[in-house]
Amino acid sequence: MLFLIKMRVSFPKELSDSDQLALRAEEAEVAKELAQEGTLIRLWKTDLNTATWGIWRADDQRKVELAIKSLPLHAYMETEIHQLTEHPNDPKSAEMRVPA
């Protein structure tokens, strides 16, 4: 299954800049591992850099939630998880034909 996940990180004021940098470095390593195993497919930033959107793959929502909880920034993260299903008008669908 594919999931579209919105992630927004908010650090508490008492967390130092160096601690934030260390957590972001750890986050990058875990994200790399998740990508190598095929769980994390793609990531995008929004234009204002207020959130990250990603495409994730997992057998079910419980497994994608476990993957997200493995992220070092999870404690500071607000997430929205949306399971994706095929749309009947998806242009990639073999059944959809555009009239000539």
PDB file of N, CA and C in Angstrom:
ATOM      1  N   MET A   1       0.838  -1.175   0.000  1.00  0.00           N
ATOM      2  CA  MET A   1       0.000   0.000   0.000  1.00  0.00           C
ATOM      3  C   MET A   1       0.887   1.244   0.000  1.00  0.00           C
ATOM      4  N   LEU A   2       0.374   2.291  -0.626  1.00  0.00           N
ATOM      5  CA  LEU A   2       1.072   3.578  -0.625  1.00  0.00           C
ATOM      6  C   LEU A   2       0.350   4.548   0.295  1.00  0.00           C
ATOM      7  N   PHE A   3       1.144   5.401   0.932  1.00  0.00           N
ATOM      8  CA  PHE A   3       0.610   6.395   1.849  1.00  0.00           C
ATOM      9  C   PHE A   3       1.223   7.750   1.527  1.00  0.00           C
ATOM     10  N   LEU A   4       0.391   8.781   1.572  1.00  0.00           N
ATOM     11  CA  LEU A   4       0.847  10.163   1.474  1.00  0.00           C
ATOM     12  C   LEU A   4       0.862  10.692   2.900  1.00  0.00           C
ATOM     13  N   ILE A   5       2.039  11.140   3.347  1.00  0.00           N
ATOM     14  CA  ILE A   5       2.177  11.549   4.741  1.00  0.00           C
ATOM     15  C   ILE A   5       2.714  12.972   4.811  1.00  0.00           C
ATOM     16  N   LYS A   6       2.005  13.789   5.570  1.00  0.00           N
ATOM     17  CA  LYS A   6       2.435  15.168   5.837  1.00  0.00           C
ATOM     18  C   LYS A   6       3.072  15.180   7.223  1.00  0.00           C
ATOM     19  N   MET A   7       4.272  15.740   7.292  1.00  0.00           N
ATOM     20  CA  MET A   7       4.999  15.802   8.561  1.00  0.00           C
ATOM     21  C   MET A   7       5.415  17.241   8.834  1.00  0.00           C
ATOM     22  N   ARG A   8       5.116  17.695  10.032  1.00  0.00           N
ATOM     23  CA  ARG A   8       5.489  19.053  10.437  1.00  0.00           C
ATOM     24  C   ARG A   8       6.223  18.941  11.774  1.00  0.00           C
ATOM     25  N   VAL A   9       7.440  19.466  11.820  1.00  0.00           N
ATOM     26  CA  VAL A   9       8.273  19.388  13.015  1.00  0.00           C
ATOM     27  C   VAL A   9       8.244  20.726  13.739  1.00  0.00           C
ATOM     28  N   SER A  10       8.035  20.667  15.054  1.00  0.00           N
ATOM     29  CA  SER A  10       8.088  21.857  15.908  1.00  0.00           C
ATOM     30  C   SER A  10       8.942  21.512  17.119  1.00  0.00           C
ATOM     31  N   PHE A  11      10.094  22.156  17.205  1.00  0.00           N
ATOM     32  CA  PHE A  11      10.974  21.925  18.339  1.00  0.00           C
ATOM     33  C   PHE A  11      10.571  22.817  19.498  1.00  0.00           C
ATOM     34  N   PRO A  12      10.702  22.315  20.723  1.00  0.00           N
ATOM     35  CA  PRO A  12      10.458  23.189  21.878  1.00  0.00           C
ATOM     36  C   PRO A  12      11.574  24.225  21.995  1.00  0.00           C
ATOM     37  N   LYS A  13      11.268  25.363  22.560  1.00  0.00           N
ATOM     38  CA  LYS A  13      12.243  26.453  22.672  1.00  0.00           C
ATOM     39  C   LYS A  13      13.476  26.051  23.468  1.00  0.00           C
ATOM     40  N   GLU A  14      13.292  25.142  24.423  1.00  0.00           N
ATOM     41  CA  GLU A  14      14.423  24.766  25.273  1.00  0.00           C
ATOM     42  C   GLU A  14      15.402  23.790  24.599  1.00  0.00           C
ATOM     43  N   LEU A  15      15.073  23.291  23.419  1.00  0.00           N
ATOM     44  CA  LEU A  15      15.971  22.395  22.699  1.00  0.00           C
ATOM     45  C   LEU A  15      17.009  23.236  21.943  1.00  0.00           C
ATOM     46  N   SER A  16      18.263  23.045  22.256  1.00  0.00           N
ATOM     47  CA  SER A  16      19.325  23.874  21.676  1.00  0.00           C
ATOM     48  C   SER A  16      19.462  23.655  20.171  1.00  0.00           C
ATOM     49  N   ASP A  17      20.056  24.630  19.514  1.00  0.00           N
ATOM     50  CA  ASP A  17      20.313  24.520  18.075  1.00  0.00           C
ATOM     51  C   ASP A  17      21.195  23.316  17.762  1.00  0.00           C
ATOM     52  N   SER A  18      22.193  23.067  18.603  1.00  0.00           N
ATOM     53  CA  SER A  18      23.080  21.924  18.353  1.00  0.00           C
ATOM     54  C   SER A  18      22.335  20.601  18.516  1.00  0.00           C
ATOM     55  N   ASP A  19      21.419  20.521  19.483  1.00  0.00           N
ATOM     56  CA  ASP A  19      20.607  19.309  19.632  1.00  0.00           C
ATOM     57  C   ASP A  19      19.683  19.124  18.430  1.00  0.00           C
ATOM     58  N   GLN A  20      19.135  20.222  17.933  1.00  0.00           N
ATOM     59  CA  GLN A  20      18.282  20.149  16.747  1.00  0.00           C
ATOM     60  C   GLN A  20      19.077  19.653  15.544  1.00  0.00           C
ATOM     61  N   LEU A  21      20.281  20.176  15.364  1.00  0.00           N
ATOM     62  CA  LEU A  21      21.133  19.743  14.252  1.00  0.00           C
ATOM     63  C   LEU A  21      21.484  18.263  14.369  1.00  0.00           C
ATOM     64  N   ALA A  22      21.782  17.816  15.575  1.00  0.00           N
ATOM     65  CA  ALA A  22      22.107  16.405  15.788  1.00  0.00           C
ATOM     66  C   ALA A  22      20.907  15.515  15.460  1.00  0.00           C
ATOM     67  N   LEU A  23      19.730  15.931  15.898  1.00  0.00           N
ATOM     68  CA  LEU A  23      18.524  15.162  15.598  1.00  0.00           C
ATOM     69  C   LEU A  23      18.256  15.121  14.096  1.00  0.00           C
ATOM     70  N   ARG A  24      18.456  16.229  13.411  1.00  0.00           N
ATOM     71  CA  ARG A  24      18.239  16.261  11.960  1.00  0.00           C
ATOM     72  C   ARG A  24      19.240  15.362  11.237  1.00  0.00           C
ATOM     73  N   ALA A  25      20.464  15.283  11.724  1.00  0.00           N
ATOM     74  CA  ALA A  25      21.458  14.383  11.126  1.00  0.00           C
ATOM     75  C   ALA A  25      21.052  12.926  11.340  1.00  0.00           C
ATOM     76  N   GLU A  26      20.589  12.599  12.545  1.00  0.00           N
ATOM     77  CA  GLU A  26      20.097  11.244  12.823  1.00  0.00           C
ATOM     78  C   GLU A  26      18.891  10.927  11.946  1.00  0.00           C
ATOM     79  N   GLU A  27      18.017  11.910  11.787  1.00  0.00           N
ATOM     80  CA  GLU A  27      16.821  11.745  10.957  1.00  0.00           C
ATOM     81  C   GLU A  27      17.204  11.392   9.522  1.00  0.00           C
ATOM     82  N   ALA A  28      18.208  12.076   8.992  1.00  0.00           N
ATOM     83  CA  ALA A  28      18.653  11.818   7.626  1.00  0.00           C
ATOM     84  C   ALA A  28      19.161  10.387   7.475  1.00  0.00           C
ATOM     85  N   GLU A  29      19.864   9.888   8.469  1.00  0.00           N
ATOM     86  CA  GLU A  29      20.374   8.513   8.416  1.00  0.00           C
ATOM     87  C   GLU A  29      19.243   7.490   8.445  1.00  0.00           C
ATOM     88  N   VAL A  30      18.282   7.694   9.319  1.00  0.00           N
ATOM     89  CA  VAL A  30      17.147   6.763   9.403  1.00  0.00           C
ATOM     90  C   VAL A  30      16.323   6.832   8.125  1.00  0.00           C
ATOM     91  N   ALA A  31      16.112   8.038   7.587  1.00  0.00           N
ATOM     92  CA  ALA A  31      15.361   8.184   6.333  1.00  0.00           C
ATOM     93  C   ALA A  31      16.069   7.435   5.204  1.00  0.00           C
ATOM     94  N   LYS A  32      17.387   7.515   5.170  1.00  0.00           N
ATOM     95  CA  LYS A  32      18.167   6.796   4.154  1.00  0.00           C
ATOM     96  C   LYS A  32      17.950   5.284   4.281  1.00  0.00           C
ATOM     97  N   GLU A  33      17.954   4.773   5.513  1.00  0.00           N
ATOM     98  CA  GLU A  33      17.711   3.349   5.744  1.00  0.00           C
ATOM     99  C   GLU A  33      16.301   2.953   5.305  1.00  0.00           C
ATOM    100  N   LEU A  34      15.312   3.785   5.641  1.00  0.00           N
ATOM    101  CA  LEU A  34      13.929   3.498   5.250  1.00  0.00           C
ATOM    102  C   LEU A  34      13.780   3.511   3.732  1.00  0.00           C
ATOM    103  N   ALA A  35      14.509   4.398   3.070  1.00  0.00           N
ATOM    104  CA  ALA A  35      14.471   4.444   1.603  1.00  0.00           C
ATOM    105  C   ALA A  35      15.117   3.196   1.013  1.00  0.00           C
ATOM    106  N   GLN A  36      16.235   2.772   1.579  1.00  0.00           N
ATOM    107  CA  GLN A  36      16.919   1.587   1.065  1.00  0.00           C
ATOM    108  C   GLN A  36      16.078   0.328   1.207  1.00  0.00           C
ATOM    109  N   GLU A  37      15.258   0.268   2.251  1.00  0.00           N
ATOM    110  CA  GLU A  37      14.410  -0.908   2.438  1.00  0.00           C
ATOM    111  C   GLU A  37      13.099  -0.812   1.646  1.00  0.00           C
ATOM    112  N   GLY A  38      12.866   0.343   0.998  1.00  0.00           N
ATOM    113  CA  GLY A  38      11.684   0.499   0.158  1.00  0.00           C
ATOM    114  C   GLY A  38      10.463   1.047   0.868  1.00  0.00           C
ATOM    115  N   THR A  39      10.616   1.507   2.107  1.00  0.00           N
ATOM    116  CA  THR A  39       9.484   2.055   2.852  1.00  0.00           C
ATOM    117  C   THR A  39       9.257   3.525   2.525  1.00  0.00           C
ATOM    118  N   LEU A  40      10.321   4.295   2.488  1.00  0.00           N
ATOM    119  CA  LEU A  40      10.230   5.719   2.146  1.00  0.00           C
ATOM    120  C   LEU A  40      10.560   5.863   0.667  1.00  0.00           C
ATOM    121  N   ILE A  41       9.577   6.325  -0.102  1.00  0.00           N
ATOM    122  CA  ILE A  41       9.726   6.392  -1.557  1.00  0.00           C
ATOM    123  C   ILE A  41      10.196   7.768  -2.027  1.00  0.00           C
ATOM    124  N   ARG A  42       9.531   8.829  -1.583  1.00  0.00           N
ATOM    125  CA  ARG A  42       9.858  10.205  -2.009  1.00  0.00           C
ATOM    126  C   ARG A  42       9.545  11.174  -0.888  1.00  0.00           C
ATOM    127  N   LEU A  43      10.229  12.334  -0.899  1.00  0.00           N
ATOM    128  CA  LEU A  43       9.954  13.427   0.033  1.00  0.00           C
ATOM    129  C   LEU A  43       9.953  14.749  -0.715  1.00  0.00           C
ATOM    130  N   TRP A  44       9.073  15.661  -0.292  1.00  0.00           N
ATOM    131  CA  TRP A  44       9.018  17.018  -0.843  1.00  0.00           C
ATOM    132  C   TRP A  44       8.854  17.999   0.300  1.00  0.00           C
ATOM    133  N   LYS A  45       9.365  19.226   0.108  1.00  0.00           N
ATOM    134  CA  LYS A  45       9.102  20.341   1.011  1.00  0.00           C
ATOM    135  C   LYS A  45       8.013  21.194   0.382  1.00  0.00           C
ATOM    136  N   THR A  46       7.265  21.896   1.226  1.00  0.00           N
ATOM    137  CA  THR A  46       6.315  22.861   0.698  1.00  0.00           C
ATOM    138  C   THR A  46       7.063  24.140   0.366  1.00  0.00           C
ATOM    139  N   ASP A  47       6.411  25.033  -0.361  1.00  0.00           N
ATOM    140  CA  ASP A  47       7.066  26.261  -0.794  1.00  0.00           C
ATOM    141  C   ASP A  47       7.520  27.133   0.373  1.00  0.00           C
ATOM    142  N   LEU A  48       6.823  27.100   1.472  1.00  0.00           N
ATOM    143  CA  LEU A  48       7.209  27.890   2.634  1.00  0.00           C
ATOM    144  C   LEU A  48       8.063  27.091   3.620  1.00  0.00           C
ATOM    145  N   ASN A  49       8.383  25.850   3.258  1.00  0.00           N
ATOM    146  CA  ASN A  49       9.198  24.971   4.092  1.00  0.00           C
ATOM    147  C   ASN A  49       8.592  24.768   5.480  1.00  0.00           C
ATOM    148  N   THR A  50       7.260  24.717   5.537  1.00  0.00           N
ATOM    149  CA  THR A  50       6.584  24.521   6.811  1.00  0.00           C
ATOM    150  C   THR A  50       6.221  23.065   7.070  1.00  0.00           C
ATOM    151  N   ALA A  51       6.311  22.234   6.044  1.00  0.00           N
ATOM    152  CA  ALA A  51       5.971  20.822   6.204  1.00  0.00           C
ATOM    153  C   ALA A  51       6.730  20.015   5.160  1.00  0.00           C
ATOM    154  N   THR A  52       6.817  18.734   5.433  1.00  0.00           N
ATOM    155  CA  THR A  52       7.382  17.790   4.483  1.00  0.00           C
ATOM    156  C   THR A  52       6.289  16.809   4.112  1.00  0.00           C
ATOM    157  N   TRP A  53       6.178  16.526   2.838  1.00  0.00           N
ATOM    158  CA  TRP A  53       5.224  15.532   2.341  1.00  0.00           C
ATOM    159  C   TRP A  53       6.018  14.362   1.793  1.00  0.00           C
ATOM    160  N   GLY A  54       5.537  13.159   2.029  1.00  0.00           N
ATOM    161  CA  GLY A  54       6.253  11.997   1.534  1.00  0.00           C
ATOM    162  C   GLY A  54       5.327  10.900   1.051  1.00  0.00           C
ATOM    163  N   ILE A  55       5.858  10.110   0.151  1.00  0.00           N
ATOM    164  CA  ILE A  55       5.183   8.882  -0.298  1.00  0.00           C
ATOM    165  C   ILE A  55       5.908   7.731   0.392  1.00  0.00           C
ATOM    166  N   TRP A  56       5.150   6.940   1.098  1.00  0.00           N
ATOM    167  CA  TRP A  56       5.670   5.811   1.858  1.00  0.00           C
ATOM    168  C   TRP A  56       4.980   4.532   1.402  1.00  0.00           C
ATOM    169  N   ARG A  57       5.651   3.402   1.546  1.00  0.00           N
ATOM    170  CA  ARG A  57       5.077   2.097   1.194  1.00  0.00           C
ATOM    171  C   ARG A  57       5.145   1.191   2.423  1.00  0.00           C
ATOM    172  N   ALA A  58       4.021   0.544   2.720  1.00  0.00           N
ATOM    173  CA  ALA A  58       3.960  -0.415   3.827  1.00  0.00           C
ATOM    174  C   ALA A  58       2.791  -1.361   3.581  1.00  0.00           C
ATOM    175  N   ASP A  59       2.818  -2.497   4.258  1.00  0.00           N
ATOM    176  CA  ASP A  59       1.742  -3.480   4.105  1.00  0.00           C
ATOM    177  C   ASP A  59       0.414  -2.964   4.644  1.00  0.00           C
ATOM    178  N   ASP A  60       0.468  -2.130   5.675  1.00  0.00           N
ATOM    179  CA  ASP A  60      -0.754  -1.575   6.268  1.00  0.00           C
ATOM    180  C   ASP A  60      -0.400  -0.312   7.056  1.00  0.00           C
ATOM    181  N   GLN A  61      -1.409   0.367   7.555  1.00  0.00           N
ATOM    182  CA  GLN A  61      -1.192   1.630   8.250  1.00  0.00           C
ATOM    183  C   GLN A  61      -0.384   1.428   9.529  1.00  0.00           C
ATOM    184  N   ARG A  62      -0.595   0.331  10.215  1.00  0.00           N
ATOM    185  CA  ARG A  62       0.161   0.070  11.443  1.00  0.00           C
ATOM    186  C   ARG A  62       1.658   0.042  11.159  1.00  0.00           C
ATOM    187  N   LYS A  63       2.051  -0.593  10.051  1.00  0.00           N
ATOM    188  CA  LYS A  63       3.474  -0.686   9.721  1.00  0.00           C
ATOM    189  C   LYS A  63       4.061   0.663   9.310  1.00  0.00           C
ATOM    190  N   VAL A  64       3.285   1.475   8.616  1.00  0.00           N
ATOM    191  CA  VAL A  64       3.802   2.800   8.257  1.00  0.00           C
ATOM    192  C   VAL A  64       3.906   3.678   9.503  1.00  0.00           C
ATOM    193  N   GLU A  65       2.985   3.519  10.436  1.00  0.00           N
ATOM    194  CA  GLU A  65       3.064   4.259  11.689  1.00  0.00           C
ATOM    195  C   GLU A  65       4.312   3.849  12.480  1.00  0.00           C
ATOM    196  N   LEU A  66       4.636   2.562  12.485  1.00  0.00           N
ATOM    197  CA  LEU A  66       5.859   2.099  13.157  1.00  0.00           C
ATOM    198  C   LEU A  66       7.109   2.688  12.500  1.00  0.00           C
ATOM    199  N   ALA A  67       7.094   2.774  11.182  1.00  0.00           N
ATOM    200  CA  ALA A  67       8.237   3.365  10.474  1.00  0.00           C
ATOM    201  C   ALA A  67       8.397   4.831  10.856  1.00  0.00           C
ATOM    202  N   ILE A  68       7.303   5.556  10.923  1.00  0.00           N
ATOM    203  CA  ILE A  68       7.360   6.970  11.299  1.00  0.00           C
ATOM    204  C   ILE A  68       7.852   7.122  12.738  1.00  0.00           C
ATOM    205  N   LYS A  69       7.406   6.232  13.615  1.00  0.00           N
ATOM    206  CA  LYS A  69       7.842   6.298  15.016  1.00  0.00           C
ATOM    207  C   LYS A  69       9.327   6.005  15.162  1.00  0.00           C
ATOM    208  N   SER A  70       9.940   5.378  14.169  1.00  0.00           N
ATOM    209  CA  SER A  70      11.373   5.094  14.229  1.00  0.00           C
ATOM    210  C   SER A  70      12.210   6.341  13.914  1.00  0.00           C
ATOM    211  N   LEU A  71      11.575   7.386  13.423  1.00  0.00           N
ATOM    212  CA  LEU A  71      12.298   8.611  13.078  1.00  0.00           C
ATOM    213  C   LEU A  71      12.711   9.371  14.338  1.00  0.00           C
ATOM    214  N   PRO A  72      13.952   9.828  14.415  1.00  0.00           N
ATOM    215  CA  PRO A  72      14.404  10.572  15.584  1.00  0.00           C
ATOM    216  C   PRO A  72      13.592  11.839  15.877  1.00  0.00           C
ATOM    217  N   LEU A  73      13.008  12.447  14.860  1.00  0.00           N
ATOM    218  CA  LEU A  73      12.214  13.667  15.065  1.00  0.00           C
ATOM    219  C   LEU A  73      10.763  13.381  15.436  1.00  0.00           C
ATOM    220  N   HIS A  74      10.393  12.112  15.516  1.00  0.00           N
ATOM    221  CA  HIS A  74       8.995  11.754  15.753  1.00  0.00           C
ATOM    222  C   HIS A  74       8.411  12.429  16.991  1.00  0.00           C
ATOM    223  N   ALA A  75       9.196  12.557  18.042  1.00  0.00           N
ATOM    224  CA  ALA A  75       8.692  13.167  19.284  1.00  0.00           C
ATOM    225  C   ALA A  75       8.275  14.623  19.090  1.00  0.00           C
ATOM    226  N   TYR A  76       8.785  15.254  18.035  1.00  0.00           N
ATOM    227  CA  TYR A  76       8.507  16.667  17.774  1.00  0.00           C
ATOM    228  C   TYR A  76       7.656  16.853  16.513  1.00  0.00           C
ATOM    229  N   MET A  77       7.085  15.764  16.041  1.00  0.00           N
ATOM    230  CA  MET A  77       6.441  15.749  14.729  1.00  0.00           C
ATOM    231  C   MET A  77       4.926  15.574  14.831  1.00  0.00           C
ATOM    232  N   GLU A  78       4.234  16.361  14.039  1.00  0.00           N
ATOM    233  CA  GLU A  78       2.794  16.193  13.837  1.00  0.00           C
ATOM    234  C   GLU A  78       2.643  15.557  12.462  1.00  0.00           C
ATOM    235  N   THR A  79       1.870  14.474  12.371  1.00  0.00           N
ATOM    236  CA  THR A  79       1.735  13.781  11.086  1.00  0.00           C
ATOM    237  C   THR A  79       0.274  13.637  10.689  1.00  0.00           C
ATOM    238  N   GLU A  80       0.081  13.598   9.391  1.00  0.00           N
ATOM    239  CA  GLU A  80      -1.214  13.254   8.794  1.00  0.00           C
ATOM    240  C   GLU A  80      -0.936  12.123   7.820  1.00  0.00           C
ATOM    241  N   ILE A  81      -1.619  11.000   7.989  1.00  0.00           N
ATOM    242  CA  ILE A  81      -1.400   9.832   7.140  1.00  0.00           C
ATOM    243  C   ILE A  81      -2.634   9.609   6.283  1.00  0.00           C
ATOM    244  N   HIS A  82      -2.411   9.507   4.972  1.00  0.00           N
ATOM    245  CA  HIS A  82      -3.501   9.281   4.029  1.00  0.00           C
ATOM    246  C   HIS A  82      -3.142   8.059   3.175  1.00  0.00           C
ATOM    247  N   GLN A  83      -3.967   7.015   3.258  1.00  0.00           N
ATOM    248  CA  GLN A  83      -3.742   5.857   2.395  1.00  0.00           C
ATOM    249  C   GLN A  83      -4.175   6.215   0.981  1.00  0.00           C
ATOM    250  N   LEU A  84      -3.344   5.888   0.013  1.00  0.00           N
ATOM    251  CA  LEU A  84      -3.650   6.179  -1.383  1.00  0.00           C
ATOM    252  C   LEU A  84      -4.227   4.946  -2.065  1.00  0.00           C
ATOM    253  N   THR A  85      -5.259   5.158  -2.858  1.00  0.00           N
ATOM    254  CA  THR A  85      -5.826   4.100  -3.691  1.00  0.00           C
ATOM    255  C   THR A  85      -5.925   4.624  -5.111  1.00  0.00           C
ATOM    256  N   GLU A  86      -5.978   3.725  -6.043  1.00  0.00           N
ATOM    257  CA  GLU A  86      -6.026   4.133  -7.448  1.00  0.00           C
ATOM    258  C   GLU A  86      -7.318   4.883  -7.757  1.00  0.00           C
ATOM    259  N   HIS A  87      -7.195   5.862  -8.617  1.00  0.00           N
ATOM    260  CA  HIS A  87      -8.339   6.641  -9.079  1.00  0.00           C
ATOM    261  C   HIS A  87      -8.723   6.116 -10.468  1.00  0.00           C
ATOM    262  N   PRO A  88     -10.015   6.001 -10.773  1.00  0.00           N
ATOM    263  CA  PRO A  88     -10.407   5.457 -12.075  1.00  0.00           C
ATOM    264  C   PRO A  88      -9.961   6.313 -13.264  1.00  0.00           C
ATOM    265  N   ASN A  89      -9.685   7.590 -13.055  1.00  0.00           N
ATOM    266  CA  ASN A  89      -9.239   8.466 -14.137  1.00  0.00           C
ATOM    267  C   ASN A  89      -7.740   8.732 -14.117  1.00  0.00           C
ATOM    268  N   ASP A  90      -7.003   7.927 -13.381  1.00  0.00           N
ATOM    269  CA  ASP A  90      -5.559   8.089 -13.329  1.00  0.00           C
ATOM    270  C   ASP A  90      -4.996   7.944 -14.739  1.00  0.00           C
ATOM    271  N   PRO A  91      -4.246   8.937 -15.227  1.00  0.00           N
ATOM    272  CA  PRO A  91      -3.699   8.875 -16.584  1.00  0.00           C
ATOM    273  C   PRO A  91      -2.765   7.691 -16.819  1.00  0.00           C
ATOM    274  N   LYS A  92      -2.214   7.109 -15.769  1.00  0.00           N
ATOM    275  CA  LYS A  92      -1.340   5.961 -15.939  1.00  0.00           C
ATOM    276  C   LYS A  92      -2.130   4.666 -16.110  1.00  0.00           C
ATOM    277  N   SER A  93      -3.418   4.710 -15.867  1.00  0.00           N
ATOM    278  CA  SER A  93      -4.241   3.510 -15.971  1.00  0.00           C
ATOM    279  C   SER A  93      -4.291   3.005 -17.399  1.00  0.00           C
ATOM    280  N   ALA A  94      -4.095   1.728 -17.568  1.00  0.00           N
ATOM    281  CA  ALA A  94      -4.118   1.119 -18.906  1.00  0.00           C
ATOM    282  C   ALA A  94      -5.509   1.209 -19.525  1.00  0.00           C
ATOM    283  N   GLU A  95      -6.562   1.258 -18.691  1.00  0.00           N
ATOM    284  CA  GLU A  95      -7.928   1.300 -19.218  1.00  0.00           C
ATOM    285  C   GLU A  95      -8.320   2.669 -19.753  1.00  0.00           C
ATOM    286  N   MET A  96      -7.660   3.712 -19.304  1.00  0.00           N
ATOM    287  CA  MET A  96      -8.048   5.055 -19.731  1.00  0.00           C
ATOM    288  C   MET A  96      -7.448   5.365 -21.089  1.00  0.00           C
ATOM    289  N   ARG A  97      -8.271   5.703 -22.015  1.00  0.00           N
ATOM    290  CA  ARG A  97      -7.820   6.033 -23.371  1.00  0.00           C
ATOM    291  C   ARG A  97      -8.297   7.448 -23.707  1.00  0.00           C
ATOM    292  N   VAL A  98      -7.407   8.242 -24.213  1.00  0.00           N
ATOM    293  CA  VAL A  98      -7.743   9.599 -24.631  1.00  0.00           C
ATOM    294  C   VAL A  98      -8.184   9.538 -26.086  1.00  0.00           C
ATOM    295  N   PRO A  99      -9.371  10.099 -26.417  1.00  0.00           N
ATOM    296  CA  PRO A  99      -9.813  10.073 -27.828  1.00  0.00           C
ATOM    297  C   PRO A  99      -8.837  10.794 -28.734  1.00  0.00           C
ATOM    298  N   ALA A 100      -8.661  10.256 -29.934  1.00  0.00           N
ATOM    299  CA  ALA A 100      -7.736  10.863 -30.921  1.00  0.00           C
ATOM    300  C   ALA A 100      -8.331  12.096 -31.539  1.00  0.00           C
TER     301      ALA A 100
END
